[in-house]
Amino acid sequence: MMQLRDPRAFAARKLLSGLLAQDCCSYIDFVGGGIMTTKEFFEQMDARIAKYDLLCHPFYKAWSAGELTREDLQAYGRNYFHQVAEFPDFLQEFGARVHDEQLRRAVLVNREDELGKDVEGSRPHAELWLDFVEGMGGDRGTDHIPVKEIGELTGWFHSVAREGTPEEALAAFYAYESQVPRVSAEKAKGLREMYGADEKTCEYFTVHTTADVYHSRIWKHQLGKIVQGNPAAAKKALNAGENAAKVLWKALDGIEAARVKKVA
């Protein structure tokens, strides 16, 4: 029987409980454009992200319907491994230039979780991802050259982590991790029901149905503090969040195009 992985999220939950002392009820004054509450800001952010809802992508729809082959899932896993493996690097790059102590600690907690250092016995998330690839009949090799859209995805996240403003980086992380719990739950369901996957194969997705709920809430809280009373930061964040969602969608476009080309 698989051990429940809730302890992985313990550090994030503990940090979150210390951060969320109040709800988003402050205001952002837009010169010549009225006033928007931070609640309304996040409604706009979520609406922009929803334009590129990953569960609506043809590749993930095919996954849920059981229309992908195991070879398709292997290829997806080898390609998307690069985003999973490099995510701790994005956090490191951003955290290295953060001056706010609370924000730096939040980034560190997330990175430790990704690297499997948060709870004794945990494993790096990249290793859990390779369990998925292996469960679909692939190998654990990591030298695969991805489709160009995956390179564009990781390149974009490296750029925003290294050079973006704090609100841009946080919005990018929020756009990514706020979608992961729903997407992971649907992937795990599809793997079990359509592909007969065991729990080890599904574990990456099982873990992320919980862990990234807390991660995205932390990003949301930290982002809310920055945009409060700062319309310029709010606009940058909204644009970065939408751009992150768009580049994530385009990465799936590349994977789907390669799949369709192979079939043809």
Protein backbone atom coordinates (compact mmCIF):
# COMPACT_ATOMS: atom_id res chain seq x y z
CA MET A 1 0.00 0.00 0.00
CA MET A 2 1.34 3.42 -0.88
CA GLN A 3 2.11 5.67 2.04
CA LEU A 4 0.16 8.91 1.93
CA ARG A 5 2.40 11.81 1.06
CA ASP A 6 0.66 14.55 3.02
CA PRO A 7 3.79 15.05 5.21
CA ARG A 8 5.51 16.49 2.12
CA ALA A 9 3.28 19.53 2.41
CA PHE A 10 3.84 19.99 6.16
CA ALA A 11 6.53 22.64 5.81
CA ALA A 12 4.49 24.54 3.26
CA ARG A 13 1.36 24.36 5.44
CA LYS A 14 3.31 25.57 8.46
CA LEU A 15 4.75 28.48 6.52
CA LEU A 16 1.37 29.28 5.02
CA SER A 17 -0.34 29.40 8.41
CA GLY A 18 2.20 31.97 9.54
CA LEU A 19 1.80 34.09 6.44
CA LEU A 20 -1.94 34.26 5.90
CA ALA A 21 -2.85 36.47 8.81
CA GLN A 22 -5.48 38.34 6.80
CA ASP A 23 -7.53 37.94 3.65
CA CYS A 24 -6.97 39.92 0.46
CA CYS A 25 -8.99 43.03 1.23
CA SER A 26 -6.60 45.87 0.41
CA TYR A 27 -6.78 48.20 -2.57
CA ILE A 28 -4.77 49.02 -5.69
CA ASP A 29 -5.26 52.56 -6.99
CA PHE A 30 -4.94 52.84 -10.77
CA VAL A 31 -4.34 56.41 -11.82
CA GLY A 32 -7.16 57.34 -14.19
CA GLY A 33 -8.44 53.75 -14.00
CA GLY A 34 -10.28 53.52 -10.72
CA ILE A 35 -9.65 51.30 -7.74
CA MET A 36 -9.28 47.52 -7.72
CA THR A 37 -9.14 45.37 -4.61
CA THR A 38 -6.50 42.68 -4.38
CA LYS A 39 -9.36 40.19 -4.51
CA GLU A 40 -10.38 41.65 -7.86
CA PHE A 41 -6.75 41.60 -8.95
CA PHE A 42 -6.57 37.85 -8.40
CA GLU A 43 -9.89 37.37 -10.15
CA GLN A 44 -8.33 39.06 -13.16
CA MET A 45 -5.17 37.00 -12.78
CA ASP A 46 -7.11 33.74 -12.63
CA ALA A 47 -9.22 34.78 -15.62
CA ARG A 48 -6.10 35.45 -17.69
CA ILE A 49 -4.62 32.10 -16.69
CA ALA A 50 -7.91 30.36 -17.48
CA LYS A 51 -7.63 31.43 -21.11
CA TYR A 52 -4.87 28.82 -21.30
CA ASP A 53 -6.41 26.22 -18.97
CA LEU A 54 -4.15 23.22 -19.52
CA LEU A 55 -6.94 20.71 -19.01
CA CYS A 56 -8.55 22.16 -22.14
CA HIS A 57 -5.49 21.43 -24.25
CA PRO A 58 -6.04 18.69 -26.89
CA PHE A 59 -3.13 16.63 -25.53
CA TYR A 60 -4.53 16.50 -22.00
CA LYS A 61 -8.04 15.87 -23.33
CA ALA A 62 -6.66 12.88 -25.23
CA TRP A 63 -4.93 11.72 -22.02
CA SER A 64 -8.18 11.86 -20.02
CA ALA A 65 -10.04 10.01 -22.79
CA GLY A 66 -7.46 7.23 -22.93
CA GLU A 67 -6.56 8.07 -26.52
CA LEU A 68 -2.79 8.29 -26.00
CA THR A 69 -0.51 5.30 -26.37
CA ARG A 70 2.09 4.40 -23.79
CA GLU A 71 4.68 5.56 -26.32
CA ASP A 72 2.92 8.95 -26.43
CA LEU A 73 3.10 9.19 -22.65
CA GLN A 74 6.75 8.17 -22.65
CA ALA A 75 7.55 10.91 -25.15
CA TYR A 76 5.58 13.44 -23.11
CA GLY A 77 7.39 12.36 -19.96
CA ARG A 78 10.83 12.65 -21.53
CA ASN A 79 10.00 16.10 -22.90
CA TYR A 80 8.33 17.60 -19.85
CA PHE A 81 10.98 16.17 -17.52
CA HIS A 82 13.08 19.23 -18.30
CA GLN A 83 10.49 21.62 -16.79
CA VAL A 84 10.13 19.43 -13.71
CA ALA A 85 13.88 19.00 -13.22
CA GLU A 86 14.68 22.68 -13.73
CA PHE A 87 11.96 24.10 -11.50
CA PRO A 88 14.22 24.01 -8.39
CA ASP A 89 16.76 25.98 -10.43
CA PHE A 90 14.16 28.65 -11.19
CA LEU A 91 13.50 28.96 -7.47
CA GLN A 92 17.21 29.11 -6.68
CA GLU A 93 17.77 31.84 -9.27
CA PHE A 94 14.91 33.91 -7.94
CA GLY A 95 15.64 33.31 -4.27
CA ALA A 96 19.28 34.34 -4.67
CA ARG A 97 18.27 37.92 -5.45
CA VAL A 98 15.32 38.32 -3.07
CA HIS A 99 15.86 40.82 -0.26
CA ASP A 100 12.65 40.28 1.68
CA GLU A 101 13.40 37.66 4.34
CA GLN A 102 9.89 36.22 4.49
CA LEU A 103 9.72 35.83 0.72
CA ARG A 104 13.18 34.27 0.60
CA ARG A 105 12.10 31.74 3.22
CA ALA A 106 8.97 30.92 1.22
CA VAL A 107 11.06 30.28 -1.89
CA LEU A 108 13.48 28.09 0.10
CA VAL A 109 10.65 25.97 1.53
CA ASN A 110 9.28 25.37 -1.95
CA ARG A 111 12.69 24.47 -3.35
CA GLU A 112 13.39 22.04 -0.51
CA ASP A 113 10.06 20.38 -1.20
CA GLU A 114 10.90 20.03 -4.92
CA LEU A 115 14.26 18.48 -4.01
CA GLY A 116 12.73 16.06 -1.50
CA LYS A 117 14.53 17.65 1.45
CA ASP A 118 11.46 18.77 3.38
CA VAL A 119 10.57 15.45 5.03
CA GLU A 120 12.81 12.48 5.84
CA GLY A 121 12.29 9.74 3.30
CA SER A 122 11.01 12.07 0.59
CA ARG A 123 12.47 11.90 -2.89
CA PRO A 124 13.18 14.65 -5.42
CA HIS A 125 10.15 15.38 -7.56
CA ALA A 126 12.24 14.81 -10.69
CA GLU A 127 12.81 11.23 -9.52
CA LEU A 128 9.08 10.75 -8.99
CA TRP A 129 8.57 12.03 -12.53
CA LEU A 130 10.99 9.41 -13.87
CA ASP A 131 8.95 6.77 -12.01
CA PHE A 132 6.05 7.87 -14.23
CA VAL A 133 8.16 7.58 -17.40
CA GLU A 134 9.41 4.17 -16.31
CA GLY A 135 5.89 3.05 -15.45
CA MET A 136 4.87 3.82 -19.03
CA GLY A 137 7.65 1.59 -20.32
CA GLY A 138 10.36 4.21 -20.77
CA ASP A 139 13.83 4.41 -19.24
CA ARG A 140 15.21 6.83 -16.67
CA GLY A 141 17.64 8.51 -19.04
CA THR A 142 17.73 12.30 -18.74
CA ASP A 143 19.75 13.29 -21.82
CA HIS A 144 16.78 13.47 -24.17
CA ILE A 145 16.67 16.59 -26.34
CA PRO A 146 13.18 18.07 -25.96
CA VAL A 147 10.97 19.67 -28.58
CA LYS A 148 11.83 23.31 -29.09
CA GLU A 149 8.71 24.51 -27.26
CA ILE A 150 9.95 22.88 -24.05
CA GLY A 151 13.25 24.71 -24.46
CA GLU A 152 11.29 27.92 -24.89
CA LEU A 153 9.29 27.11 -21.74
CA THR A 154 12.31 26.50 -19.52
CA GLY A 155 14.14 29.43 -21.09
CA TRP A 156 11.23 31.75 -20.31
CA PHE A 157 11.07 30.62 -16.67
CA HIS A 158 14.84 30.97 -16.28
CA SER A 159 14.59 34.50 -17.66
CA VAL A 160 11.79 35.63 -15.37
CA ALA A 161 13.48 34.00 -12.36
CA ARG A 162 16.82 35.67 -13.08
CA GLU A 163 15.72 39.02 -14.44
CA GLY A 164 12.02 39.59 -13.79
CA THR A 165 10.71 41.84 -11.05
CA PRO A 166 9.54 40.04 -7.90
CA GLU A 167 5.91 40.46 -8.94
CA GLU A 168 6.63 39.00 -12.40
CA ALA A 169 8.44 35.97 -10.99
CA LEU A 170 5.78 35.33 -8.37
CA ALA A 171 3.01 35.66 -10.95
CA ALA A 172 4.80 33.14 -13.17
CA PHE A 173 5.17 30.64 -10.32
CA TYR A 174 1.53 31.20 -9.36
CA ALA A 175 0.32 30.65 -12.94
CA TYR A 176 2.23 27.37 -13.04
CA GLU A 177 1.55 25.91 -9.62
CA SER A 178 -2.07 27.07 -9.30
CA GLN A 179 -2.96 24.81 -12.24
CA VAL A 180 -0.96 21.79 -11.11
CA PRO A 181 -3.36 20.32 -8.48
CA ARG A 182 -6.34 20.05 -10.87
CA VAL A 183 -4.16 18.86 -13.74
CA SER A 184 -2.36 16.31 -11.56
CA ALA A 185 -5.60 14.89 -10.20
CA GLU A 186 -6.95 14.41 -13.72
CA LYS A 187 -3.69 12.87 -14.94
CA ALA A 188 -3.56 10.40 -12.05
CA LYS A 189 -7.20 9.45 -12.64
CA GLY A 190 -6.54 8.89 -16.33
CA LEU A 191 -3.40 6.85 -15.67
CA ARG A 192 -5.21 4.54 -13.27
CA GLU A 193 -8.44 4.14 -15.21
CA MET A 194 -7.23 4.25 -18.81
CA TYR A 195 -3.69 2.90 -18.63
CA GLY A 196 -3.72 0.57 -15.60
CA ALA A 197 -0.92 2.48 -13.89
CA ASP A 198 0.19 1.49 -10.39
CA GLU A 199 0.63 3.88 -7.48
CA LYS A 200 4.37 4.30 -8.01
CA THR A 201 3.73 5.45 -11.57
CA CYS A 202 1.08 7.90 -10.36
CA GLU A 203 2.93 9.16 -7.29
CA TYR A 204 4.28 12.38 -8.81
CA PHE A 205 0.75 13.42 -9.67
CA THR A 206 -0.71 12.23 -6.37
CA VAL A 207 1.83 14.33 -4.47
CA HIS A 208 1.08 17.43 -6.53
CA THR A 209 -2.66 17.33 -6.02
CA THR A 210 -1.81 18.50 -2.48
CA ALA A 211 1.65 20.08 -2.42
CA ASP A 212 1.03 22.73 -5.04
CA VAL A 213 -2.18 23.87 -3.38
CA TYR A 214 0.01 25.21 -0.58
CA HIS A 215 2.74 26.44 -2.89
CA SER A 216 0.33 28.47 -5.01
CA ARG A 217 -1.30 29.97 -1.91
CA ILE A 218 2.08 31.13 -0.68
CA TRP A 219 2.86 32.73 -4.05
CA LYS A 220 -0.57 34.36 -3.99
CA HIS A 221 -0.02 35.80 -0.53
CA GLN A 222 3.44 37.15 -1.36
CA LEU A 223 2.24 38.59 -4.66
CA GLY A 224 -0.72 40.24 -2.95
CA LYS A 225 1.64 42.07 -0.59
CA ILE A 226 3.67 43.45 -3.50
CA VAL A 227 0.78 44.68 -5.65
CA GLN A 228 -1.09 46.27 -2.74
CA GLY A 229 -1.14 49.98 -3.48
CA ASN A 230 1.16 49.48 -6.47
CA PRO A 231 -0.71 49.55 -9.79
CA ALA A 232 2.49 49.36 -11.85
CA ALA A 233 3.43 46.11 -10.12
CA ALA A 234 -0.11 44.80 -10.56
CA LYS A 235 -0.01 45.37 -14.32
CA LYS A 236 3.37 43.67 -14.63
CA ALA A 237 2.13 40.72 -12.60
CA LEU A 238 -1.02 40.29 -14.67
CA ASN A 239 0.99 40.29 -17.88
CA ALA A 240 3.58 37.86 -16.50
CA GLY A 241 0.92 35.48 -15.22
CA GLU A 242 -0.79 35.38 -18.59
CA ASN A 243 2.53 34.97 -20.41
CA ALA A 244 3.46 32.06 -18.14
CA ALA A 245 0.14 30.35 -18.85
CA LYS A 246 0.65 30.95 -22.56
CA VAL A 247 4.16 29.46 -22.68
CA LEU A 248 2.96 26.42 -20.70
CA TRP A 249 0.19 25.92 -23.28
CA LYS A 250 2.64 26.31 -26.17
CA ALA A 251 4.87 23.63 -24.65
CA LEU A 252 1.98 21.20 -24.93
CA ASP A 253 1.42 22.43 -28.51
CA GLY A 254 4.93 21.25 -29.31
CA ILE A 255 4.42 17.86 -27.69
CA GLU A 256 1.07 17.38 -29.42
CA ALA A 257 2.48 18.41 -32.81
CA ALA A 258 5.26 15.84 -32.47
CA ARG A 259 2.71 13.17 -31.55
CA VAL A 260 0.44 13.95 -34.50
CA LYS A 261 3.40 14.04 -36.89
CA LYS A 262 4.50 10.61 -35.69
CA VAL A 263 1.03 9.17 -36.26
CA ALA A 264 0.83 10.68 -39.73
